[in-house]
Amino acid sequence: MSTPRTAPQQQSLTERRKAATQLDIASAAAELFAERGPEATTAEDIALRAGIALRTFYRYFRNKEDAVSPLLSTGGARWRELLAAQAAELPGADIEEALVRAARTSLTPVGAAGVAAMDSVRGLLRAAAADPALRAVWYRVNQESEEQLPPVLRSLSGLGGLTELELKMVSAGATDAIRLALEEWAATDEPADGPKGPAALAEQCLRRLLAWTARN
């Protein structure tokens, strides 16, 4: 018996629904952490705000801090997608300009919804500064992003002669440059779409990192 041709599409729809549910839970957790703080927020609170059963919450996440990981990982995923698109559309794209262009695009909020999303990230990073469990989630998200970056960077010009270790070093440096830019911005009240927002800070960090790398 042949497999129905619609099976891959059905699976894709299932995955999209799963991702949407995870993001809804993450948004609810971020709202509550901003309102009450992580310590005063329970998994039950998050499930109630998201409109799901507690067992559904634990089907997706191990604990309340882990619930925000989809929200925190969105920017990194978008950055890698933009880098991959540049590599595919512009073979041999300059590494520095590709990294900066992708970072600026992924960190520049579009419309009111984009600004609100960035403000949610700011609230989470502020909470993470004082909450070890939440900070561990943030570091894990960045580590996972870093580990997915080398194959994307390999296709950009200027990196063809690097060893695997050197490529991992570039990936770590670029990922941390953006992480530090976001943390620096989160500690301020600068608007997400302003001249001192995360996009501008990320460009500054990346250009300084790559200039230092080129000299050494």
Protein backbone atom coordinates (compact mmCIF):
# COMPACT_ATOMS: atom_id res chain seq x y z
CA MET A 1 0.00 0.00 0.00
CA SER A 2 1.40 3.39 -0.95
CA THR A 3 1.78 6.19 1.58
CA PRO A 4 -0.71 9.04 1.03
CA ARG A 5 0.95 11.98 -0.72
CA THR A 6 -0.52 14.38 1.84
CA ALA A 7 1.43 12.89 4.76
CA PRO A 8 4.42 15.31 4.55
CA GLN A 9 2.05 18.28 4.39
CA GLN A 10 0.12 16.99 7.40
CA GLN A 11 3.35 16.60 9.34
CA SER A 12 4.40 20.09 8.36
CA LEU A 13 1.08 21.48 9.58
CA THR A 14 1.51 19.60 12.87
CA GLU A 15 4.96 21.07 13.36
CA ARG A 16 3.69 24.56 12.59
CA ARG A 17 0.90 24.18 15.13
CA LYS A 18 3.37 22.90 17.71
CA ALA A 19 5.67 25.88 17.10
CA ALA A 20 2.74 28.30 17.36
CA THR A 21 1.64 26.75 20.67
CA GLN A 22 5.17 26.96 22.04
CA LEU A 23 5.42 30.62 21.06
CA ASP A 24 2.05 31.38 22.69
CA ILE A 25 3.29 29.78 25.92
CA ALA A 26 6.58 31.68 25.66
CA SER A 27 4.73 34.99 25.23
CA ALA A 28 2.54 34.25 28.24
CA ALA A 29 5.60 33.40 30.34
CA ALA A 30 7.38 36.58 29.24
CA GLU A 31 4.36 38.71 30.17
CA LEU A 32 4.11 37.16 33.61
CA PHE A 33 7.84 37.38 34.29
CA ALA A 34 7.68 41.08 33.42
CA GLU A 35 4.63 41.65 35.60
CA ARG A 36 5.54 39.55 38.66
CA GLY A 37 9.10 38.37 38.23
CA PRO A 38 10.18 34.74 37.68
CA GLU A 39 10.08 33.81 41.38
CA ALA A 40 6.45 34.88 41.79
CA THR A 41 5.33 33.11 38.60
CA THR A 42 4.41 29.42 38.50
CA ALA A 43 3.97 26.99 35.63
CA GLU A 44 0.27 26.95 36.50
CA ASP A 45 0.14 30.73 36.07
CA ILE A 46 1.74 30.48 32.65
CA ALA A 47 -0.60 27.70 31.52
CA LEU A 48 -3.62 29.71 32.65
CA ARG A 49 -2.42 32.84 30.83
CA ALA A 50 -1.75 30.82 27.66
CA GLY A 51 -5.16 29.14 27.87
CA ILE A 52 -3.84 25.58 28.07
CA ALA A 53 -3.89 22.74 30.58
CA LEU A 54 -0.92 22.32 32.90
CA ARG A 55 -0.19 18.90 31.41
CA THR A 56 0.03 20.54 27.99
CA PHE A 57 2.58 23.00 29.37
CA TYR A 58 4.77 20.14 30.59
CA ARG A 59 4.40 18.37 27.27
CA TYR A 60 6.40 21.21 25.72
CA PHE A 61 8.63 22.51 28.51
CA ARG A 62 10.51 21.08 31.48
CA ASN A 63 10.03 24.11 33.74
CA LYS A 64 8.75 27.68 33.80
CA GLU A 65 12.11 29.24 32.82
CA ASP A 66 12.48 26.94 29.82
CA ALA A 67 9.14 28.21 28.53
CA VAL A 68 10.67 31.44 27.25
CA SER A 69 13.30 29.72 25.09
CA PRO A 70 11.25 29.94 21.84
CA LEU A 71 10.96 33.69 22.27
CA LEU A 72 14.65 34.11 23.03
CA SER A 73 15.74 31.91 20.14
CA THR A 74 13.65 33.66 17.48
CA GLY A 75 16.25 36.34 16.74
CA GLY A 76 19.10 33.87 16.33
CA ALA A 77 17.05 31.70 14.00
CA ARG A 78 16.15 34.71 11.88
CA TRP A 79 19.81 35.81 11.76
CA ARG A 80 20.94 32.40 10.49
CA GLU A 81 18.14 32.32 7.91
CA LEU A 82 19.23 35.71 6.56
CA LEU A 83 22.87 34.63 6.42
CA ALA A 84 21.94 31.45 4.56
CA ALA A 85 19.83 33.44 2.11
CA GLN A 86 22.74 35.77 1.38
CA ALA A 87 25.06 32.83 0.80
CA ALA A 88 22.55 31.30 -1.63
CA GLU A 89 21.68 34.51 -3.49
CA LEU A 90 25.12 36.14 -3.43
CA PRO A 91 27.79 33.43 -3.60
CA GLY A 92 31.02 34.78 -2.18
CA ALA A 93 29.30 37.49 -0.13
CA ASP A 94 31.73 39.38 2.12
CA ILE A 95 31.72 37.88 5.60
CA GLU A 96 31.69 41.15 7.55
CA GLU A 97 28.95 42.78 5.49
CA ALA A 98 26.89 39.59 5.47
CA LEU A 99 27.04 39.25 9.26
CA VAL A 100 26.25 42.91 9.85
CA ARG A 101 23.44 43.07 7.30
CA ALA A 102 21.79 39.95 8.71
CA ALA A 103 22.15 41.19 12.29
CA ARG A 104 20.69 44.59 11.49
CA THR A 105 17.71 43.09 9.68
CA SER A 106 16.96 40.50 12.35
CA LEU A 107 17.28 42.99 15.22
CA THR A 108 15.39 45.90 13.64
CA PRO A 109 11.75 45.66 14.76
CA VAL A 110 9.07 46.07 12.11
CA GLY A 111 5.96 47.93 13.22
CA ALA A 112 4.35 48.03 16.63
CA ALA A 113 4.30 44.24 16.95
CA GLY A 114 8.05 44.08 16.31
CA VAL A 115 8.76 46.75 18.91
CA ALA A 116 6.56 44.94 21.44
CA ALA A 117 8.42 41.68 20.78
CA MET A 118 11.79 43.34 21.33
CA ASP A 119 10.53 44.95 24.52
CA SER A 120 9.50 41.48 25.74
CA VAL A 121 13.04 40.29 25.08
CA ARG A 122 14.39 43.27 27.01
CA GLY A 123 12.20 42.39 29.98
CA LEU A 124 13.40 38.80 29.89
CA LEU A 125 17.06 39.79 29.73
CA ARG A 126 16.62 42.14 32.67
CA ALA A 127 14.98 39.36 34.65
CA ALA A 128 17.73 36.93 33.61
CA ALA A 129 20.38 39.24 35.02
CA ALA A 130 19.02 38.52 38.50
CA ASP A 131 17.69 34.98 38.00
CA PRO A 132 20.27 32.16 37.52
CA ALA A 133 17.75 29.67 36.11
CA LEU A 134 16.46 32.13 33.51
CA ARG A 135 20.02 33.21 32.70
CA ALA A 136 20.93 29.56 32.09
CA VAL A 137 18.15 29.34 29.49
CA TRP A 138 19.48 32.46 27.75
CA TYR A 139 23.00 31.06 27.65
CA ARG A 140 21.73 27.71 26.36
CA VAL A 141 19.81 29.41 23.55
CA ASN A 142 22.97 31.23 22.49
CA GLN A 143 25.03 28.06 22.69
CA GLU A 144 22.58 26.24 20.44
CA SER A 145 22.63 29.14 17.97
CA GLU A 146 26.43 29.13 17.95
CA GLU A 147 26.53 25.40 17.21
CA GLN A 148 24.23 25.84 14.20
CA LEU A 149 26.22 28.71 12.71
CA PRO A 150 29.41 27.09 11.24
CA PRO A 151 27.71 25.41 8.24
CA VAL A 152 26.13 28.74 7.31
CA LEU A 153 29.36 30.71 7.65
CA ARG A 154 31.29 28.14 5.63
CA SER A 155 29.48 29.26 2.49
CA LEU A 156 30.52 32.91 2.86
CA SER A 157 33.71 34.29 1.33
CA GLY A 158 36.86 34.70 3.37
CA LEU A 159 36.29 31.57 5.40
CA GLY A 160 37.15 28.85 2.92
CA GLY A 161 40.65 28.34 4.32
CA LEU A 162 39.66 28.12 7.96
CA THR A 163 39.96 24.93 9.95
CA GLU A 164 36.90 23.59 11.74
CA LEU A 165 38.24 24.92 15.03
CA GLU A 166 38.81 28.39 13.57
CA LEU A 167 35.32 28.39 12.07
CA LYS A 168 33.88 27.51 15.48
CA MET A 169 35.84 30.40 16.97
CA VAL A 170 34.33 32.84 14.46
CA SER A 171 30.87 31.43 15.20
CA ALA A 172 31.39 31.83 18.94
CA GLY A 173 32.69 35.37 18.57
CA ALA A 174 29.85 36.50 16.31
CA THR A 175 27.19 34.91 18.50
CA ASP A 176 28.61 36.46 21.66
CA ALA A 177 28.93 39.85 19.97
CA ILE A 178 25.18 39.87 19.36
CA ARG A 179 24.42 38.46 22.81
CA LEU A 180 26.45 41.21 24.47
CA ALA A 181 24.82 43.87 22.30
CA LEU A 182 21.37 42.68 23.35
CA GLU A 183 22.34 42.58 27.02
CA GLU A 184 23.86 46.07 26.82
CA TRP A 185 20.70 47.44 25.20
CA ALA A 186 18.41 45.61 27.62
CA ALA A 187 20.04 47.41 30.54
CA THR A 188 18.97 50.77 29.05
CA ASP A 189 15.67 52.41 28.18
CA GLU A 190 16.71 53.11 24.58
CA PRO A 191 13.92 52.35 22.07
CA ALA A 192 14.33 49.10 20.15
CA ASP A 193 14.13 50.92 16.81
CA GLY A 194 16.32 53.88 17.80
CA PRO A 195 19.93 54.80 16.93
CA LYS A 196 21.15 53.13 20.12
CA GLY A 197 18.95 50.07 19.76
CA PRO A 198 20.10 46.45 19.51
CA ALA A 199 20.66 46.58 15.75
CA ALA A 200 23.12 49.47 16.01
CA LEU A 201 24.91 47.94 18.99
CA ALA A 202 25.18 44.57 17.26
CA GLU A 203 26.75 46.18 14.20
CA GLN A 204 29.24 48.03 16.41
CA CYS A 205 30.20 44.84 18.25
CA LEU A 206 30.51 42.75 15.09
CA ARG A 207 32.63 45.30 13.23
CA ARG A 208 35.00 45.71 16.17
CA LEU A 209 35.28 41.95 16.60
CA LEU A 210 36.00 41.33 12.91
CA ALA A 211 38.46 44.23 12.71
CA TRP A 212 40.35 42.80 15.68
CA THR A 213 40.27 39.33 14.12
CA ALA A 214 41.67 40.67 10.84
CA ARG A 215 44.59 42.35 12.64
CA ASN A 216 45.45 39.16 14.47
